[in-house]
Amino acid sequence: MFDVSLRLDHSLPFCNLSKLFPAVSIQRWCNLQVDILEIQAPREEDAEKLEPALRKMLKGLGARLIRFNRYSSKNLEAVIGCRCATDNSTVALIEWAGCIPVMPLNYRGGQEYCRVLAFTKGTLDDAMANLSRVSKLEVESRSVIPRESARGAITVPVDEFLGALTMKQLSAFMAAMQMGYYVMPKGATIDEIASRQGMKRSTYEEHLRKAELKILQAVKPYARLAYVTAKEKD
């Protein structure tokens, strides 16, 4: 299996949105049924201007905005009915070649950053050819994944969920797991775990809650993607 990271510069819709707001970071999860956008703007005025620009872009695509959430003055989430096709989406072009686009796709500075997994050199060449027809393309990294490691490459990397945790937060979370804090009925209370760790309750609980928040924030886009996709089918 081949693992390739690409930097793309093109005029397809989401990249165009990034060109309008180059300082804004956009992460996109797509399963060809629903798109989830997580948007982080450096300034409030960027977030204010981006929302109408996004709605205008979706109108041009004929895409439905299922939900729009504003988590703060600079952090936005959009849930969109997917309209991916080979004339408007790199996701469709990559999958059309028989390859796997690894989520999320990242847009910043008017460019798209994506990672592609290919089972054969032929399908990778086809994906690169498809992308080259609509985009300037630069290979940032390329590697061959041994067959026995392929499963880990396709699944979500552990670092995406746990990489943001400090050692104290990870230790607090693991202690809670090991002592049965997350089972019903609880195997231990916060006080009991803190005592076992030799920490004040307030200190231990702060580490644990920060760990939980970071993990939930990492899981959120995948949960949202699964939830909206299932809801759309009902």
Protein backbone atom coordinates (compact mmCIF):
# COMPACT_ATOMS: atom_id res chain seq x y z
CA MET A 1 0.00 0.00 0.00
CA PHE A 2 1.19 3.52 -0.84
CA ASP A 3 0.71 6.50 1.49
CA VAL A 4 1.05 9.92 -0.16
CA SER A 5 0.57 13.40 1.29
CA LEU A 6 -0.30 16.08 -1.27
CA ARG A 7 -0.57 19.85 -1.44
CA LEU A 8 -3.10 20.95 -4.04
CA ASP A 9 -3.84 24.34 -5.53
CA HIS A 10 -7.06 24.43 -7.55
CA SER A 11 -10.32 26.31 -8.08
CA LEU A 12 -12.79 23.70 -6.81
CA PRO A 13 -15.32 25.00 -4.25
CA PHE A 14 -13.74 24.40 -0.85
CA CYS A 15 -10.29 25.46 -2.00
CA ASN A 16 -11.83 28.61 -3.49
CA LEU A 17 -13.40 29.34 -0.10
CA SER A 18 -9.95 29.03 1.44
CA LYS A 19 -8.57 31.48 -1.15
CA LEU A 20 -11.16 34.01 -0.01
CA PHE A 21 -10.16 33.47 3.63
CA PRO A 22 -6.50 32.34 3.56
CA ALA A 23 -5.94 32.86 7.29
CA VAL A 24 -8.86 30.59 8.22
CA SER A 25 -8.26 26.89 8.93
CA ILE A 26 -10.90 24.53 7.49
CA GLN A 27 -11.01 20.80 8.23
CA ARG A 28 -13.36 18.69 6.13
CA TRP A 29 -14.70 15.19 6.74
CA CYS A 30 -16.61 13.63 3.83
CA ASN A 31 -18.18 10.20 3.30
CA LEU A 32 -19.85 11.13 -0.03
CA GLN A 33 -23.18 11.53 1.80
CA VAL A 34 -22.39 14.27 4.29
CA ASP A 35 -19.64 16.88 4.63
CA ILE A 36 -18.61 18.16 8.06
CA LEU A 37 -16.60 21.39 8.17
CA GLU A 38 -14.74 22.47 11.30
CA ILE A 39 -13.69 26.10 10.84
CA GLN A 40 -11.26 28.09 12.97
CA ALA A 41 -10.86 31.77 12.21
CA PRO A 42 -8.09 33.95 13.66
CA ARG A 43 -10.42 36.95 13.94
CA GLU A 44 -14.11 37.40 14.65
CA GLU A 45 -14.59 39.42 11.46
CA ASP A 46 -13.27 36.51 9.37
CA ALA A 47 -15.85 34.18 10.93
CA GLU A 48 -18.62 36.73 10.34
CA LYS A 49 -17.73 37.12 6.66
CA LEU A 50 -17.16 33.41 6.07
CA GLU A 51 -20.69 32.29 6.88
CA PRO A 52 -22.43 34.18 4.01
CA ALA A 53 -19.59 33.21 1.66
CA LEU A 54 -20.11 29.54 2.57
CA ARG A 55 -23.86 29.79 2.02
CA LYS A 56 -23.28 31.41 -1.39
CA MET A 57 -20.85 28.62 -2.35
CA LEU A 58 -23.32 25.92 -1.31
CA LYS A 59 -26.12 27.59 -3.26
CA GLY A 60 -23.95 27.48 -6.37
CA LEU A 61 -23.31 23.78 -5.78
CA GLY A 62 -26.97 23.04 -5.11
CA ALA A 63 -25.89 21.63 -1.74
CA ARG A 64 -28.09 21.69 1.35
CA LEU A 65 -26.82 23.22 4.57
CA ILE A 66 -28.16 20.76 7.16
CA ARG A 67 -26.84 22.54 10.21
CA PHE A 68 -24.64 25.51 11.06
CA ASN A 69 -23.24 25.90 14.57
CA ARG A 70 -21.19 28.70 16.06
CA TYR A 71 -19.23 27.35 19.06
CA SER A 72 -17.53 30.66 19.71
CA SER A 73 -16.97 33.93 17.89
CA LYS A 74 -14.13 32.27 15.93
CA ASN A 75 -15.09 28.58 15.77
CA LEU A 76 -17.78 27.30 13.42
CA GLU A 77 -19.17 23.95 12.28
CA ALA A 78 -21.17 23.29 9.13
CA VAL A 79 -22.97 20.06 8.25
CA ILE A 80 -23.66 19.82 4.53
CA GLY A 81 -25.47 17.39 2.27
CA CYS A 82 -22.64 16.12 0.08
CA ARG A 83 -22.68 17.04 -3.62
CA CYS A 84 -19.27 15.60 -4.47
CA ALA A 85 -18.72 14.76 -8.13
CA THR A 86 -15.63 14.43 -10.28
CA ASP A 87 -16.10 17.97 -11.58
CA ASN A 88 -16.18 19.63 -8.17
CA SER A 89 -14.41 17.46 -5.58
CA THR A 90 -10.96 15.97 -5.07
CA VAL A 91 -12.58 13.33 -2.84
CA ALA A 92 -14.58 12.03 -5.81
CA LEU A 93 -11.52 12.13 -8.08
CA ILE A 94 -9.43 10.14 -5.60
CA GLU A 95 -12.15 7.54 -4.97
CA TRP A 96 -12.91 7.28 -8.70
CA ALA A 97 -9.32 6.02 -9.14
CA GLY A 98 -9.90 3.34 -6.49
CA CYS A 99 -7.88 5.09 -3.79
CA ILE A 100 -8.80 6.24 -0.27
CA PRO A 101 -8.77 9.93 0.77
CA VAL A 102 -7.85 10.05 4.46
CA MET A 103 -10.01 12.41 6.50
CA PRO A 104 -9.87 15.18 7.38
CA LEU A 105 -8.87 17.20 4.36
CA ASN A 106 -7.28 20.49 5.40
CA TYR A 107 -7.64 23.86 3.70
CA ARG A 108 -5.48 26.83 4.59
CA GLY A 109 -3.76 29.59 2.70
CA GLY A 110 -5.90 28.92 -0.36
CA GLN A 111 -4.57 25.38 -0.74
CA GLU A 112 -5.78 21.87 0.05
CA TYR A 113 -3.73 19.35 2.01
CA CYS A 114 -4.77 15.73 1.68
CA ARG A 115 -3.45 12.25 2.28
CA VAL A 116 -4.14 9.42 -0.17
CA LEU A 117 -3.87 5.68 0.38
CA ALA A 118 -3.51 3.46 -2.69
CA PHE A 119 -3.43 -0.32 -2.84
CA THR A 120 -1.39 -0.41 -6.05
CA LYS A 121 0.96 1.89 -7.94
CA GLY A 122 -1.49 1.84 -10.84
CA THR A 123 -4.39 3.22 -8.81
CA LEU A 124 -2.09 5.83 -7.24
CA ASP A 125 -0.96 6.92 -10.71
CA ASP A 126 -4.62 7.17 -11.78
CA ALA A 127 -5.50 9.32 -8.75
CA MET A 128 -2.53 11.62 -9.37
CA ALA A 129 -3.51 11.94 -13.02
CA ASN A 130 -7.12 12.77 -12.08
CA LEU A 131 -5.96 15.43 -9.62
CA SER A 132 -3.40 16.87 -12.02
CA ARG A 133 -6.16 17.64 -14.51
CA VAL A 134 -7.81 20.08 -12.09
CA SER A 135 -4.99 21.13 -9.78
CA LYS A 136 -1.38 22.09 -9.36
CA LEU A 137 0.02 19.21 -7.35
CA GLU A 138 3.00 18.83 -5.04
CA VAL A 139 3.94 15.60 -3.27
CA GLU A 140 4.93 16.45 0.30
CA SER A 141 5.67 12.88 1.37
CA ARG A 142 5.43 9.39 -0.05
CA SER A 143 5.94 6.03 1.63
CA VAL A 144 5.15 2.35 1.19
CA ILE A 145 3.15 0.71 3.98
CA PRO A 146 3.88 -2.99 4.65
CA ARG A 147 0.86 -5.23 4.17
CA GLU A 148 0.78 -6.10 7.89
CA SER A 149 0.51 -2.37 8.76
CA ALA A 150 -2.21 -1.52 6.24
CA ARG A 151 -5.06 -1.84 8.75
CA GLY A 152 -3.55 0.85 10.96
CA ALA A 153 -3.13 3.20 8.01
CA ILE A 154 -6.81 2.98 7.05
CA THR A 155 -8.19 3.41 10.57
CA VAL A 156 -8.09 6.72 12.43
CA PRO A 157 -4.60 7.26 13.91
CA VAL A 158 -4.43 7.07 17.71
CA ASP A 159 -2.52 10.37 17.77
CA GLU A 160 -5.57 12.11 16.31
CA PHE A 161 -7.53 11.25 19.47
CA LEU A 162 -4.81 11.24 22.12
CA GLY A 163 -1.93 13.25 20.70
CA ALA A 164 -3.12 16.55 22.21
CA LEU A 165 -3.13 15.16 25.77
CA THR A 166 -0.33 15.99 28.16
CA MET A 167 1.26 13.15 30.12
CA LYS A 168 -0.60 14.26 33.29
CA GLN A 169 -3.92 14.25 31.43
CA LEU A 170 -3.25 10.86 29.85
CA SER A 171 -2.22 9.41 33.22
CA ALA A 172 -5.39 10.75 34.84
CA PHE A 173 -7.56 9.28 32.08
CA MET A 174 -5.83 5.89 32.23
CA ALA A 175 -6.20 5.76 36.02
CA ALA A 176 -9.93 6.43 35.68
CA MET A 177 -10.24 3.70 33.05
CA GLN A 178 -8.27 1.15 35.08
CA MET A 179 -10.19 1.81 38.31
CA GLY A 180 -13.61 1.46 36.68
CA TYR A 181 -14.71 5.08 36.74
CA TYR A 182 -16.44 4.69 33.35
CA VAL A 183 -18.35 1.47 34.07
CA MET A 184 -21.83 1.12 35.57
CA PRO A 185 -21.95 0.98 38.52
CA LYS A 186 -18.75 2.98 39.02
CA GLY A 187 -15.83 1.02 40.36
CA ALA A 188 -14.29 4.12 41.94
CA THR A 189 -15.06 7.76 42.66
CA ILE A 190 -12.99 10.79 41.76
CA ASP A 191 -11.90 11.05 45.42
CA GLU A 192 -10.75 7.42 45.48
CA ILE A 193 -8.80 7.69 42.24
CA ALA A 194 -7.18 10.98 43.31
CA SER A 195 -6.16 9.40 46.62
CA ARG A 196 -4.66 6.39 44.84
CA GLN A 197 -2.72 8.77 42.59
CA GLY A 198 -1.49 10.75 45.58
CA MET A 199 -3.14 13.95 44.35
CA LYS A 200 -5.64 16.47 45.60
CA ARG A 201 -9.12 15.84 44.25
CA SER A 202 -9.24 19.26 42.54
CA THR A 203 -5.89 18.74 40.81
CA TYR A 204 -6.72 15.22 39.63
CA GLU A 205 -10.19 16.22 38.43
CA GLU A 206 -8.77 19.14 36.44
CA HIS A 207 -6.40 16.80 34.58
CA LEU A 208 -9.18 14.26 33.96
CA ARG A 209 -11.73 16.79 32.69
CA LYS A 210 -9.20 18.36 30.32
CA ALA A 211 -8.36 14.89 28.99
CA GLU A 212 -12.05 14.06 28.48
CA LEU A 213 -12.68 17.36 26.71
CA LYS A 214 -9.77 16.89 24.30
CA ILE A 215 -10.82 13.30 23.49
CA LEU A 216 -14.44 14.31 22.91
CA GLN A 217 -13.38 17.20 20.68
CA ALA A 218 -11.31 14.76 18.59
CA VAL A 219 -14.17 12.26 18.34
CA LYS A 220 -16.86 14.87 17.61
CA PRO A 221 -16.48 15.14 13.80
CA TYR A 222 -16.62 11.36 13.36
CA ALA A 223 -19.63 11.06 15.67
CA ARG A 224 -21.36 13.90 13.84
CA LEU A 225 -20.63 12.27 10.47
CA ALA A 226 -22.10 8.94 11.62
CA TYR A 227 -25.12 10.59 13.28
CA VAL A 228 -26.11 12.83 10.37
CA THR A 229 -25.56 10.05 7.82
CA ALA A 230 -27.81 7.68 9.81
CA LYS A 231 -30.43 10.40 10.32
CA GLU A 232 -30.50 11.22 6.61
CA LYS A 233 -31.23 7.55 5.82
CA ASP A 234 -34.24 7.43 8.18
